C-alpha atoms as a PDB file:
ATOM      1  CA  MET A   1    -115.877 -34.467-314.957  1.00  0.00           C
ATOM      2  CA  ASN A   2    -115.976 -37.549-312.955  1.00  0.00           C
ATOM      3  CA  PHE A   3    -117.961 -36.245-310.755  1.00  0.00           C
ATOM      4  CA  LYS A   4    -118.514 -39.282-308.312  1.00  0.00           C
ATOM      5  CA  ASN A   5    -113.937 -39.252-307.262  1.00  0.00           C
ATOM      6  CA  VAL A   6    -114.777 -35.393-307.078  1.00  0.00           C
ATOM      7  CA  PHE A   7    -117.476 -36.337-303.821  1.00  0.00           C
ATOM      8  CA  LEU A   8    -115.427 -39.240-303.179  1.00  0.00           C
ATOM      9  CA  GLY A   9    -112.371 -36.575-302.539  1.00  0.00           C
ATOM     10  CA  ILE A  10    -114.092 -34.196-300.907  1.00  0.00           C
ATOM     11  CA  PHE A  11    -115.283 -36.609-298.778  1.00  0.00           C
ATOM     12  CA  ALA A  12    -112.226 -38.463-298.036  1.00  0.00           C
ATOM     13  CA  SER A  13    -110.360 -34.136-296.934  1.00  0.00           C
ATOM     14  CA  ALA A  14    -113.523 -33.923-294.673  1.00  0.00           C
ATOM     15  CA  LEU A  15    -112.614 -36.941-292.529  1.00  0.00           C
ATOM     16  CA  LEU A  16    -109.669 -35.741-292.415  1.00  0.00           C
ATOM     17  CA  LEU A  17    -110.199 -32.479-291.302  1.00  0.00           C
ATOM     18  CA  ALA A  18    -112.527 -33.895-288.258  1.00  0.00           C
ATOM     19  CA  SER A  19    -110.505 -36.443-287.735  1.00  0.00           C
ATOM     20  CA  CYS A  20    -107.419 -34.108-287.504  1.00  0.00           C
ATOM     21  CA  THR A  21    -109.872 -31.695-285.114  1.00  0.00           C
ATOM     22  CA  ASN A  22    -110.999 -34.345-282.694  1.00  0.00           C
ATOM     23  CA  ASP A  23    -106.690 -35.212-282.457  1.00  0.00           C
ATOM     24  CA  ASP A  24    -106.522 -31.398-281.821  1.00  0.00           C
ATOM     25  CA  THR A  25    -109.501 -31.366-279.159  1.00  0.00           C
ATOM     26  CA  THR A  26    -108.082 -34.764-277.426  1.00  0.00           C
ATOM     27  CA  GLU A  27    -104.857 -33.232-277.298  1.00  0.00           C
ATOM     28  CA  ASN A  28    -105.444 -29.961-275.874  1.00  0.00           C
ATOM     29  CA  LYS A  29    -108.240 -31.714-273.102  1.00  0.00           C
ATOM     30  CA  MET A  30    -105.054 -34.099-271.654  1.00  0.00           C
ATOM     31  CA  PRO A  31    -104.235 -33.224-268.734  1.00  0.00           C
ATOM     32  CA  LEU A  32    -100.714 -31.615-267.789  1.00  0.00           C
ATOM     33  CA  GLY A  33    -100.503 -33.947-264.876  1.00  0.00           C
ATOM     34  CA  ALA A  34    -101.687 -35.840-261.964  1.00  0.00           C
ATOM     35  CA  TYR A  35    -102.805 -32.856-260.231  1.00  0.00           C
ATOM     36  CA  ASP A  36    -104.285 -30.618-263.022  1.00  0.00           C
ATOM     37  CA  LYS A  37    -108.023 -30.932-263.126  1.00  0.00           C
ATOM     38  CA  GLY A  38    -109.083 -29.749-259.632  1.00  0.00           C
ATOM     39  CA  VAL A  39    -108.104 -28.168-256.792  1.00  0.00           C
ATOM     40  CA  ILE A  40    -104.916 -27.768-254.847  1.00  0.00           C
ATOM     41  CA  VAL A  41    -106.035 -27.689-250.933  1.00  0.00           C
ATOM     42  CA  LEU A  42    -103.144 -26.034-248.245  1.00  0.00           C
ATOM     43  CA  ASN A  43    -103.128 -27.272-245.015  1.00  0.00           C
ATOM     44  CA  GLU A  44    -100.979 -25.611-242.964  1.00  0.00           C
ATOM     45  CA  GLY A  45    -100.352 -28.161-240.051  1.00  0.00           C
ATOM     46  CA  ASN A  46    -100.037 -27.478-236.506  1.00  0.00           C
ATOM     47  CA  PHE A  47     -97.882 -24.726-235.225  1.00  0.00           C
ATOM     48  CA  GLY A  48     -94.121 -25.315-234.340  1.00  0.00           C
ATOM     49  CA  THR A  49     -94.700 -28.837-235.571  1.00  0.00           C
ATOM     50  CA  PRO A  50     -93.239 -28.864-239.802  1.00  0.00           C
ATOM     51  CA  ASN A  51     -96.285 -31.375-240.595  1.00  0.00           C
ATOM     52  CA  GLY A  52     -97.734 -28.610-243.275  1.00  0.00           C
ATOM     53  CA  SER A  53     -99.323 -30.713-246.321  1.00  0.00           C
ATOM     54  CA  VAL A  54    -100.968 -30.457-250.069  1.00  0.00           C
ATOM     55  CA  SER A  55    -104.153 -31.501-250.574  1.00  0.00           C
ATOM     56  CA  PHE A  56    -105.631 -32.352-254.184  1.00  0.00           C
ATOM     57  CA  ILE A  57    -109.229 -32.507-254.899  1.00  0.00           C
ATOM     58  CA  SER A  58    -110.055 -33.730-258.601  1.00  0.00           C
ATOM     59  CA  ASN A  59    -113.255 -31.796-260.288  1.00  0.00           C
ATOM     60  CA  ASP A  60    -114.682 -35.388-259.539  1.00  0.00           C
ATOM     61  CA  TYR A  61    -113.937 -34.802-256.036  1.00  0.00           C
ATOM     62  CA  ALA A  62    -111.719 -37.823-255.898  1.00  0.00           C
ATOM     63  CA  VAL A  63    -108.664 -36.579-252.979  1.00  0.00           C
ATOM     64  CA  ILE A  64    -105.195 -37.921-252.913  1.00  0.00           C
ATOM     65  CA  ASN A  65    -103.168 -35.786-249.489  1.00  0.00           C
ATOM     66  CA  ASN A  66     -99.807 -35.462-249.052  1.00  0.00           C
ATOM     67  CA  ILE A  67     -99.408 -34.599-252.649  1.00  0.00           C
ATOM     68  CA  PHE A  68     -95.940 -32.836-251.896  1.00  0.00           C
ATOM     69  CA  GLY A  69     -94.475 -35.649-250.045  1.00  0.00           C
ATOM     70  CA  ILE A  70     -95.448 -38.153-252.599  1.00  0.00           C
ATOM     71  CA  GLU A  71     -94.357 -36.171-255.145  1.00  0.00           C
ATOM     72  CA  ASN A  72     -90.685 -35.508-253.312  1.00  0.00           C
ATOM     73  CA  SER A  73     -89.463 -38.665-251.281  1.00  0.00           C
ATOM     74  CA  ASN A  74     -91.377 -37.711-248.484  1.00  0.00           C
ATOM     75  CA  LYS A  75     -90.120 -34.686-248.383  1.00  0.00           C
ATOM     76  CA  PRO A  76     -91.659 -32.444-245.157  1.00  0.00           C
ATOM     77  CA  LEU A  77     -93.130 -29.573-246.816  1.00  0.00           C
ATOM     78  CA  GLY A  78     -92.657 -27.416-243.514  1.00  0.00           C
ATOM     79  CA  ASP A  79     -94.529 -25.338-240.523  1.00  0.00           C
ATOM     80  CA  VAL A  80     -97.408 -23.681-241.451  1.00  0.00           C
ATOM     81  CA  VAL A  81     -98.156 -24.101-244.928  1.00  0.00           C
ATOM     82  CA  GLN A  82     -99.765 -20.602-245.119  1.00  0.00           C
ATOM     83  CA  SER A  83    -100.487 -19.644-249.439  1.00  0.00           C
ATOM     84  CA  LEU A  84     -99.730 -20.281-253.069  1.00  0.00           C
ATOM     85  CA  SER A  85     -99.342 -18.509-256.155  1.00  0.00           C
ATOM     86  CA  PHE A  86     -99.586 -19.983-259.131  1.00  0.00           C
ATOM     87  CA  SER A  87     -96.745 -18.011-262.507  1.00  0.00           C
ATOM     88  CA  GLU A  88     -97.319 -20.461-265.852  1.00  0.00           C
ATOM     89  CA  ASP A  89     -96.709 -23.958-265.374  1.00  0.00           C
ATOM     90  CA  LYS A  90     -94.666 -23.149-261.470  1.00  0.00           C
ATOM     91  CA  ALA A  91     -96.849 -22.909-257.735  1.00  0.00           C
ATOM     92  CA  PHE A  92     -95.159 -20.526-255.072  1.00  0.00           C
ATOM     93  CA  ILE A  93     -96.117 -22.149-251.592  1.00  0.00           C
ATOM     94  CA  VAL A  94     -95.175 -19.755-249.010  1.00  0.00           C
ATOM     95  CA  VAL A  95     -93.950 -21.509-245.357  1.00  0.00           C
ATOM     96  CA  ASN A  96     -94.769 -19.174-242.992  1.00  0.00           C
ATOM     97  CA  ASN A  97     -93.338 -20.457-239.748  1.00  0.00           C
ATOM     98  CA  SER A  98     -90.353 -22.275-242.097  1.00  0.00           C
ATOM     99  CA  ASN A  99     -89.149 -19.490-243.419  1.00  0.00           C
ATOM    100  CA  THR A 100     -89.376 -20.806-246.717  1.00  0.00           C
ATOM    101  CA  VAL A 101     -90.958 -20.403-250.507  1.00  0.00           C
ATOM    102  CA  GLU A 102     -91.177 -23.989-251.856  1.00  0.00           C
ATOM    103  CA  VAL A 103     -91.497 -23.437-256.316  1.00  0.00           C
ATOM    104  CA  VAL A 104     -92.653 -26.970-257.885  1.00  0.00           C
ATOM    105  CA  ASN A 105     -94.135 -27.319-260.810  1.00  0.00           C
ATOM    106  CA  ARG A 106     -98.343 -27.081-260.662  1.00  0.00           C
ATOM    107  CA  TYR A 107     -98.711 -29.945-262.399  1.00  0.00           C
ATOM    108  CA  THR A 108     -96.581 -32.395-261.250  1.00  0.00           C
ATOM    109  CA  PHE A 109     -95.511 -31.346-257.758  1.00  0.00           C
ATOM    110  CA  LYS A 110     -92.062 -31.886-258.028  1.00  0.00           C
ATOM    111  CA  SER A 111     -90.413 -29.425-256.376  1.00  0.00           C
ATOM    112  CA  ILE A 112     -88.080 -27.102-258.274  1.00  0.00           C
ATOM    113  CA  ALA A 113     -86.512 -24.674-255.520  1.00  0.00           C
ATOM    114  CA  THR A 114     -86.480 -23.711-252.026  1.00  0.00           C
ATOM    115  CA  ILE A 115     -85.922 -19.976-251.492  1.00  0.00           C
ATOM    116  CA  THR A 116     -85.118 -18.522-247.899  1.00  0.00           C
ATOM    117  CA  ASP A 117     -82.957 -15.820-248.924  1.00  0.00           C
ATOM    118  CA  GLN A 118     -83.845 -12.401-246.779  1.00  0.00           C
ATOM    119  CA  ILE A 119     -86.915 -14.602-246.121  1.00  0.00           C
ATOM    120  CA  LYS A 120     -89.285 -13.122-242.632  1.00  0.00           C
ATOM    121  CA  ASN A 121     -91.891 -14.911-241.490  1.00  0.00           C
ATOM    122  CA  PRO A 122     -93.684 -14.921-245.206  1.00  0.00           C
ATOM    123  CA  ARG A 123     -97.236 -14.524-246.100  1.00  0.00           C
ATOM    124  CA  TYR A 124     -98.476 -14.279-249.127  1.00  0.00           C
ATOM    125  CA  SER A 125     -96.738 -13.757-252.750  1.00  0.00           C
ATOM    126  CA  VAL A 126     -98.027 -13.030-256.450  1.00  0.00           C
ATOM    127  CA  VAL A 127     -96.118 -13.010-259.622  1.00  0.00           C
ATOM    128  CA  LEU A 128     -95.785  -9.834-261.767  1.00  0.00           C
ATOM    129  CA  ASN A 129     -93.955  -9.012-264.880  1.00  0.00           C
ATOM    130  CA  GLY A 130     -91.578 -11.898-264.011  1.00  0.00           C
ATOM    131  CA  LYS A 131     -90.744 -10.991-260.440  1.00  0.00           C
ATOM    132  CA  LEU A 132     -92.094 -12.858-257.346  1.00  0.00           C
ATOM    133  CA  TYR A 133     -93.544 -10.169-254.776  1.00  0.00           C
ATOM    134  CA  VAL A 134     -93.491 -12.009-251.034  1.00  0.00           C
ATOM    135  CA  THR A 135     -95.334  -9.696-248.184  1.00  0.00           C
ATOM    136  CA  ASN A 136     -92.707 -10.620-245.384  1.00  0.00           C
ATOM    137  CA  ALA A 137     -94.469 -10.114-241.251  1.00  0.00           C
ATOM    138  CA  LYS A 138     -91.383  -9.933-239.671  1.00  0.00           C
ATOM    139  CA  THR A 139     -89.472  -6.976-241.419  1.00  0.00           C
ATOM    140  CA  LYS A 140     -93.008  -5.441-242.637  1.00  0.00           C
ATOM    141  CA  SER A 141     -91.748  -5.081-246.192  1.00  0.00           C
ATOM    142  CA  VAL A 142     -91.888  -6.816-249.845  1.00  0.00           C
ATOM    143  CA  ASN A 143     -88.794  -9.061-251.072  1.00  0.00           C
ATOM    144  CA  VAL A 144     -88.728  -8.909-254.361  1.00  0.00           C
ATOM    145  CA  TYR A 145     -87.296 -12.003-257.069  1.00  0.00           C
ATOM    146  CA  ASP A 146     -86.855 -13.224-260.007  1.00  0.00           C
ATOM    147  CA  ALA A 147     -88.973 -15.963-261.284  1.00  0.00           C
ATOM    148  CA  LYS A 148     -87.328 -17.634-263.005  1.00  0.00           C
ATOM    149  CA  THR A 149     -83.937 -17.796-261.461  1.00  0.00           C
ATOM    150  CA  TYR A 150     -85.361 -17.708-257.618  1.00  0.00           C
ATOM    151  CA  ASN A 151     -82.540 -14.814-256.577  1.00  0.00           C
ATOM    152  CA  PHE A 152     -83.275 -11.961-254.326  1.00  0.00           C
ATOM    153  CA  LEU A 153     -83.275  -8.273-256.031  1.00  0.00           C
ATOM    154  CA  GLU A 154     -84.857  -6.237-253.432  1.00  0.00           C
ATOM    155  CA  VAL A 155     -87.268  -5.166-250.861  1.00  0.00           C
ATOM    156  CA  ILE A 156     -89.810  -2.812-250.301  1.00  0.00           C
ATOM    157  CA  ALA A 157     -89.719  -1.338-247.108  1.00  0.00           C
ATOM    158  CA  VAL A 158     -93.697  -0.674-246.731  1.00  0.00           C
ATOM    159  CA  ASN A 159     -93.360  -0.056-242.833  1.00  0.00           C
ATOM    160  CA  LYS A 160     -96.585  -1.276-241.648  1.00  0.00           C
ATOM    161  CA  VAL A 161     -98.595  -4.557-241.767  1.00  0.00           C
ATOM    162  CA  VAL A 162     -97.676  -6.305-244.882  1.00  0.00           C
ATOM    163  CA  GLU A 163    -100.674  -9.283-245.731  1.00  0.00           C
ATOM    164  CA  LYS A 164    -102.627 -10.276-248.440  1.00  0.00           C
ATOM    165  CA  ILE A 165    -101.205  -9.184-252.133  1.00  0.00           C
ATOM    166  CA  ILE A 166    -102.621  -9.011-255.512  1.00  0.00           C
ATOM    167  CA  THR A 167    -102.609  -7.759-259.020  1.00  0.00           C
ATOM    168  CA  ALA A 168    -104.143  -5.129-260.944  1.00  0.00           C
ATOM    169  CA  ASN A 169    -103.460  -2.497-263.920  1.00  0.00           C
ATOM    170  CA  GLY A 170     -99.845  -3.253-263.403  1.00  0.00           C
ATOM    171  CA  LYS A 171     -99.910  -2.816-259.848  1.00  0.00           C
ATOM    172  CA  LEU A 172     -99.502  -4.559-256.521  1.00  0.00           C
ATOM    173  CA  TYR A 173    -102.370  -3.638-253.503  1.00  0.00           C
ATOM    174  CA  ILE A 174    -101.381  -5.455-250.343  1.00  0.00           C
ATOM    175  CA  THR A 175    -103.865  -5.390-247.461  1.00  0.00           C
ATOM    176  CA  ASN A 176    -102.513  -3.391-244.097  1.00  0.00           C
ATOM    177  CA  GLY A 177    -104.525  -5.507-241.699  1.00  0.00           C
ATOM    178  CA  ALA A 178    -104.971  -8.711-240.318  1.00  0.00           C
ATOM    179  CA  TYR A 179    -106.222 -10.941-236.951  1.00  0.00           C
ATOM    180  CA  GLY A 180    -109.926  -8.844-237.259  1.00  0.00           C
ATOM    181  CA  SER A 181    -108.195  -4.905-237.746  1.00  0.00           C
ATOM    182  CA  GLY A 182    -106.350  -2.964-240.014  1.00  0.00           C
ATOM    183  CA  THR A 183    -107.438   0.490-241.812  1.00  0.00           C
ATOM    184  CA  SER A 184    -105.691   0.736-245.175  1.00  0.00           C
ATOM    185  CA  VAL A 185    -104.148  -1.017-249.031  1.00  0.00           C
ATOM    186  CA  THR A 186    -100.994   0.143-250.037  1.00  0.00           C
ATOM    187  CA  VAL A 187    -100.528   0.335-253.618  1.00  0.00           C
ATOM    188  CA  ILE A 188     -97.044   0.023-255.100  1.00  0.00           C
ATOM    189  CA  ASN A 189     -95.851   0.287-258.733  1.00  0.00           C
ATOM    190  CA  PRO A 190     -93.156  -1.322-259.574  1.00  0.00           C
ATOM    191  CA  GLN A 191     -92.965   0.674-263.461  1.00  0.00           C
ATOM    192  CA  ILE A 192     -92.140   3.936-261.113  1.00  0.00           C
ATOM    193  CA  ASN A 193     -89.328   3.086-258.952  1.00  0.00           C
ATOM    194  CA  ASN A 194     -91.620   1.101-256.794  1.00  0.00           C
ATOM    195  CA  ALA A 195     -94.242   4.495-255.987  1.00  0.00           C
ATOM    196  CA  MET A 196     -96.098   4.143-253.083  1.00  0.00           C
ATOM    197  CA  SER A 197     -99.408   5.073-251.691  1.00  0.00           C
ATOM    198  CA  SER A 198    -102.205   4.564-249.238  1.00  0.00           C
ATOM    199  CA  ILE A 199    -106.198   3.747-249.750  1.00  0.00           C
ATOM    200  CA  THR A 200    -108.337   4.126-246.116  1.00  0.00           C
ATOM    201  CA  VAL A 201    -110.767   1.435-245.432  1.00  0.00           C
ATOM    202  CA  GLU A 202    -112.586   0.793-242.745  1.00  0.00           C
ATOM    203  CA  ASN A 203    -111.081  -1.315-239.805  1.00  0.00           C
ATOM    204  CA  GLY A 204    -110.742  -5.154-240.348  1.00  0.00           C
ATOM    205  CA  VAL A 205    -109.877  -5.505-243.544  1.00  0.00           C
ATOM    206  CA  ASN A 206    -108.947  -8.955-244.438  1.00  0.00           C
ATOM    207  CA  ALA A 207    -109.660  -9.835-248.039  1.00  0.00           C
ATOM    208  CA  ILE A 208    -108.696  -8.108-251.611  1.00  0.00           C
ATOM    209  CA  GLU A 209    -109.737  -9.481-255.100  1.00  0.00           C
ATOM    210  CA  GLU A 210    -109.595  -8.280-258.627  1.00  0.00           C
ATOM    211  CA  LYS A 211    -112.320  -9.113-261.109  1.00  0.00           C
ATOM    212  CA  SER A 212    -112.104  -7.059-264.930  1.00  0.00           C
ATOM    213  CA  GLY A 213    -109.362  -4.546-263.857  1.00  0.00           C
ATOM    214  CA  SER A 214    -111.034  -3.140-260.426  1.00  0.00           C
ATOM    215  CA  VAL A 215    -109.785  -4.297-256.887  1.00  0.00           C
ATOM    216  CA  TYR A 216    -112.574  -5.566-254.071  1.00  0.00           C
ATOM    217  CA  VAL A 217    -111.597  -5.139-250.523  1.00  0.00           C
ATOM    218  CA  LEU A 218    -113.488  -6.656-247.657  1.00  0.00           C
ATOM    219  CA  SER A 219    -113.858  -5.087-244.278  1.00  0.00           C
ATOM    220  CA  GLY A 220    -116.204  -6.446-241.548  1.00  0.00           C
ATOM    221  CA  ASN A 221    -115.867  -5.231-237.528  1.00  0.00           C
ATOM    222  CA  ALA A 222    -118.154  -5.438-234.831  1.00  0.00           C
ATOM    223  CA  GLU A 223    -120.268  -1.944-235.969  1.00  0.00           C
ATOM    224  CA  LYS A 224    -120.567  -3.084-239.502  1.00  0.00           C
ATOM    225  CA  SER A 225    -119.484  -4.640-243.137  1.00  0.00           C
ATOM    226  CA  LYS A 226    -117.939  -2.803-246.262  1.00  0.00           C
ATOM    227  CA  LEU A 227    -117.059  -3.730-249.506  1.00  0.00           C
ATOM    228  CA  TYR A 228    -115.416  -1.150-251.604  1.00  0.00           C
ATOM    229  CA  LYS A 229    -113.935  -1.078-255.242  1.00  0.00           C
ATOM    230  CA  ILE A 230    -111.014  -0.061-256.399  1.00  0.00           C
ATOM    231  CA  ASN A 231    -110.801   1.984-259.370  1.00  0.00           C
ATOM    232  CA  THR A 232    -107.289   1.055-260.130  1.00  0.00           C
ATOM    233  CA  THR A 233    -106.463   3.579-262.600  1.00  0.00           C
ATOM    234  CA  ASN A 234    -106.556   6.255-259.876  1.00  0.00           C
ATOM    235  CA  ASP A 235    -106.595   4.517-256.879  1.00  0.00           C
ATOM    236  CA  THR A 236    -110.295   5.904-255.694  1.00  0.00           C
ATOM    237  CA  ALA A 237    -113.070   3.939-253.819  1.00  0.00           C
ATOM    238  CA  THR A 238    -116.235   3.909-253.603  1.00  0.00           C
ATOM    239  CA  ALA A 239    -118.188   1.445-250.996  1.00  0.00           C
ATOM    240  CA  ILE A 240    -121.233  -0.387-250.139  1.00  0.00           C
ATOM    241  CA  GLU A 241    -122.067  -0.465-245.928  1.00  0.00           C
ATOM    242  CA  SER A 242    -124.065  -3.196-244.019  1.00  0.00           C
ATOM    243  CA  THR A 243    -124.292  -2.197-239.971  1.00  0.00           C
ATOM    244  CA  VAL A 244    -126.899  -5.275-240.088  1.00  0.00           C
ATOM    245  CA  LEU A 245    -124.380  -8.131-241.411  1.00  0.00           C
ATOM    246  CA  LYS A 246    -120.826  -7.467-239.112  1.00  0.00           C
ATOM    247  CA  ASN A 247    -117.643  -8.959-239.373  1.00  0.00           C
ATOM    248  CA  ALA A 248    -118.503  -9.708-242.519  1.00  0.00           C
ATOM    249  CA  LYS A 249    -115.020 -11.686-244.137  1.00  0.00           C
ATOM    250  CA  ASN A 250    -113.857 -14.220-246.326  1.00  0.00           C
ATOM    251  CA  MET A 251    -114.980 -12.495-249.702  1.00  0.00           C
ATOM    252  CA  ASP A 252    -114.370 -14.304-252.709  1.00  0.00           C
ATOM    253  CA  ILE A 253    -115.421 -13.558-256.318  1.00  0.00           C
ATOM    254  CA  ASP A 254    -116.756 -16.243-258.984  1.00  0.00           C
ATOM    255  CA  GLY A 255    -117.985 -14.888-262.359  1.00  0.00           C
ATOM    256  CA  GLU A 256    -120.406 -12.134-261.745  1.00  0.00           C
ATOM    257  CA  LYS A 257    -120.935 -12.995-258.110  1.00  0.00           C
ATOM    258  CA  ILE A 258    -119.202 -11.561-254.525  1.00  0.00           C
ATOM    259  CA  TYR A 259    -119.411 -14.459-251.963  1.00  0.00           C
ATOM    260  CA  TYR A 260    -118.491 -13.686-248.084  1.00  0.00           C
ATOM    261  CA  THR A 261    -118.974 -14.841-244.989  1.00  0.00           C
ATOM    262  CA  VAL A 262    -120.454 -13.665-241.544  1.00  0.00           C
ATOM    263  CA  GLY A 263    -120.536 -15.678-238.422  1.00  0.00           C
ATOM    264  CA  ASN A 264    -121.574 -19.216-239.728  1.00  0.00           C
ATOM    265  CA  ASN A 265    -123.363 -17.821-242.648  1.00  0.00           C
ATOM    266  CA  ALA A 266    -122.390 -18.154-246.528  1.00  0.00           C
ATOM    267  CA  TYR A 267    -123.673 -14.265-248.568  1.00  0.00           C
ATOM    268  CA  VAL A 268    -123.596 -14.199-252.070  1.00  0.00           C
ATOM    269  CA  MET A 269    -124.525 -10.703-253.960  1.00  0.00           C
ATOM    270  CA  ALA A 270    -123.789  -9.510-257.406  1.00  0.00           C
ATOM    271  CA  LEU A 271    -120.951  -7.979-258.640  1.00  0.00           C
ATOM    272  CA  ASN A 272    -122.270  -4.677-259.263  1.00  0.00           C
ATOM    273  CA  ALA A 273    -125.000  -4.721-255.939  1.00  0.00           C
ATOM    274  CA  THR A 274    -125.426  -1.554-254.866  1.00  0.00           C
ATOM    275  CA  SER A 275    -126.008  -3.072-250.786  1.00  0.00           C
ATOM    276  CA  PHE A 276    -124.727  -6.284-249.311  1.00  0.00           C
ATOM    277  CA  SER A 277    -127.313  -9.630-249.153  1.00  0.00           C
ATOM    278  CA  GLU A 278    -128.636 -10.174-245.784  1.00  0.00           C
ATOM    279  CA  ALA A 279    -130.138 -13.018-246.383  1.00  0.00           C
ATOM    280  CA  PRO A 280    -127.916 -16.055-246.138  1.00  0.00           C
ATOM    281  CA  LEU A 281    -127.040 -18.662-248.919  1.00  0.00           C
ATOM    282  CA  PHE A 282    -126.413 -21.505-246.718  1.00  0.00           C
ATOM    283  CA  SER A 283    -125.188 -22.081-243.023  1.00  0.00           C
ATOM    284  CA  ILE A 284    -122.593 -24.374-241.264  1.00  0.00           C
ATOM    285  CA  PRO A 285    -122.451 -25.540-237.381  1.00  0.00           C
ATOM    286  CA  ASP A 286    -120.616 -22.276-235.215  1.00  0.00           C
ATOM    287  CA  GLY A 287    -117.346 -23.194-235.173  1.00  0.00           C
ATOM    288  CA  GLY A 288    -116.262 -20.029-233.449  1.00  0.00           C
ATOM    289  CA  TYR A 289    -112.941 -18.486-234.777  1.00  0.00           C
ATOM    290  CA  PHE A 290    -112.201 -21.609-236.512  1.00  0.00           C
ATOM    291  CA  THR A 291    -115.860 -21.109-238.515  1.00  0.00           C
ATOM    292  CA  PHE A 292    -115.088 -21.008-241.990  1.00  0.00           C
ATOM    293  CA  TYR A 293    -110.885 -21.344-241.421  1.00  0.00           C
ATOM    294  CA  ALA A 294    -110.791 -21.557-245.596  1.00  0.00           C
ATOM    295  CA  PHE A 295    -113.694 -19.982-248.049  1.00  0.00           C
ATOM    296  CA  ASN A 296    -113.793 -19.886-251.504  1.00  0.00           C
ATOM    297  CA  VAL A 297    -115.495 -19.820-254.610  1.00  0.00           C
ATOM    298  CA  ILE A 298    -114.127 -21.923-257.442  1.00  0.00           C
ATOM    299  CA  ASP A 299    -116.292 -22.631-260.972  1.00  0.00           C
ATOM    300  CA  GLY A 300    -119.552 -21.485-259.736  1.00  0.00           C
ATOM    301  CA  LYS A 301    -118.614 -24.581-256.528  1.00  0.00           C
ATOM    302  CA  ILE A 302    -118.233 -23.477-252.809  1.00  0.00           C
ATOM    303  CA  TYR A 303    -115.161 -25.041-250.703  1.00  0.00           C
ATOM    304  CA  SER A 304    -115.285 -24.835-246.754  1.00  0.00           C
ATOM    305  CA  ALA A 305    -112.916 -25.899-244.588  1.00  0.00           C
ATOM    306  CA  ASN A 306    -113.029 -27.434-240.680  1.00  0.00           C
ATOM    307  CA  VAL A 307    -109.664 -27.535-238.750  1.00  0.00           C
ATOM    308  CA  ASN A 308    -111.896 -29.821-236.336  1.00  0.00           C
ATOM    309  CA  GLY A 309    -109.649 -27.861-233.588  1.00  0.00           C
ATOM    310  CA  PHE A 310    -106.311 -29.071-235.110  1.00  0.00           C
ATOM    311  CA  THR A 311    -106.579 -32.340-233.151  1.00  0.00           C
ATOM    312  CA  ALA A 312    -107.747 -34.400-236.335  1.00  0.00           C
ATOM    313  CA  ALA A 313    -107.160 -34.860-240.332  1.00  0.00           C
ATOM    314  CA  GLY A 314    -109.249 -31.316-241.572  1.00  0.00           C
ATOM    315  CA  THR A 315    -112.656 -32.025-242.801  1.00  0.00           C
ATOM    316  CA  VAL A 316    -113.896 -29.832-246.450  1.00  0.00           C
ATOM    317  CA  LYS A 317    -117.232 -29.544-247.217  1.00  0.00           C
ATOM    318  CA  ILE A 318    -118.612 -28.279-251.212  1.00  0.00           C
ATOM    319  CA  PHE A 319    -121.821 -26.363-251.932  1.00  0.00           C
ATOM    320  CA  SER A 320    -123.247 -25.804-255.474  1.00  0.00           C
ATOM    321  CA  SER A 321    -123.537 -21.979-256.236  1.00  0.00           C
ATOM    322  CA  THR A 322    -126.992 -22.043-254.755  1.00  0.00           C
ATOM    323  CA  GLY A 323    -125.778 -23.398-251.450  1.00  0.00           C
ATOM    324  CA  ALA A 324    -126.921 -27.204-251.324  1.00  0.00           C
ATOM    325  CA  GLU A 325    -124.396 -29.724-250.369  1.00  0.00           C
ATOM    326  CA  LEU A 326    -122.307 -31.384-253.037  1.00  0.00           C
ATOM    327  CA  LYS A 327    -119.342 -33.991-251.031  1.00  0.00           C
ATOM    328  CA  SER A 328    -117.538 -33.933-247.931  1.00  0.00           C
ATOM    329  CA  VAL A 329    -114.166 -35.369-248.389  1.00  0.00           C
ATOM    330  CA  THR A 330    -111.379 -35.650-245.561  1.00  0.00           C
ATOM    331  CA  VAL A 331    -107.931 -33.698-246.172  1.00  0.00           C
ATOM    332  CA  GLY A 332    -104.952 -33.123-244.433  1.00  0.00           C
ATOM    333  CA  MET A 333    -104.211 -31.117-240.877  1.00  0.00           C
ATOM    334  CA  GLY A 334    -105.733 -27.738-240.586  1.00  0.00           C
ATOM    335  CA  PRO A 335    -106.693 -26.430-244.557  1.00  0.00           C
ATOM    336  CA  ASN A 336    -106.868 -23.270-244.791  1.00  0.00           C
ATOM    337  CA  GLY A 337    -107.130 -22.788-248.664  1.00  0.00           C
ATOM    338  CA  PHE A 338    -108.421 -23.681-251.798  1.00  0.00           C
ATOM    339  CA  TYR A 339    -106.388 -22.662-255.325  1.00  0.00           C
ATOM    340  CA  SER A 340    -108.469 -23.842-259.020  1.00  0.00           C
ATOM    341  CA  ASN A 341    -105.567 -25.849-261.136  1.00  0.00           C
ATOM    342  CA  ASN A 342    -107.820 -26.491-264.004  1.00  0.00           C
END
């Protein structure tokens, strides 16, 4: 046997395998569009004026403003760009005062459709099992649409304030509070004829997140702050509270940590903490009602928005997980939320 030829054949095969592996890795890392690999920023604009917009902050902090307008022949997005949810390669943008949900490709931001049927002062949305669910403040209900055809399917009457909506364990969890008040979370099970139940929480419910199959709910008022963990199998809740930290809000979960704000201070505690952390991670200037108008934590970075009184373009400050300021950038008018597009 010619061992030299055998060795050369093995070596050539190894090179070919390495080349294919590298090509596959490179291909997998290629951006899916101009707005992949970064953070989407919603800018609600001035109430009563259709000047809401969307900004994009890349992972290396480059900023592109008005990406919806850029990609859609300067088409106005609408009046009060409220929230956004993703499903596969689509983004559903809820535009509150225009009574629309704009559907775009999440990576190119090219317009796909505009949903208007039965929309009445929409707030938040989520997709579950091929259906788009939209909370409507005016009708105190949840509208259901086909997430692929965008056709209206049905309305689920809740008959109380419907605000933020998430999914967990095949069910919908909706906060029944806004603007500092509200004492419950509504649970809807679409698999059982939209069976509905209610979980009582402390007054001032304002944030809700899902993590590893559990639902976390934050409430804050002038007397205390409470964080609930809901077991989504039986929808029972346990809670921790602080009477030192009052009016907590803006809760977000990143990895195994829970971040939240009180006044102009940001805090962090472990996901399994048995008490609130009362030592601020960092502080920002006090802006009254507009302080931490937007607050999200994405891949270890904390994004905070200053709306500058809705009289100028908004400012976004980005902090590390330890509270060190990393970058400050300018976005559109009235930034109110950050969404990972990685």
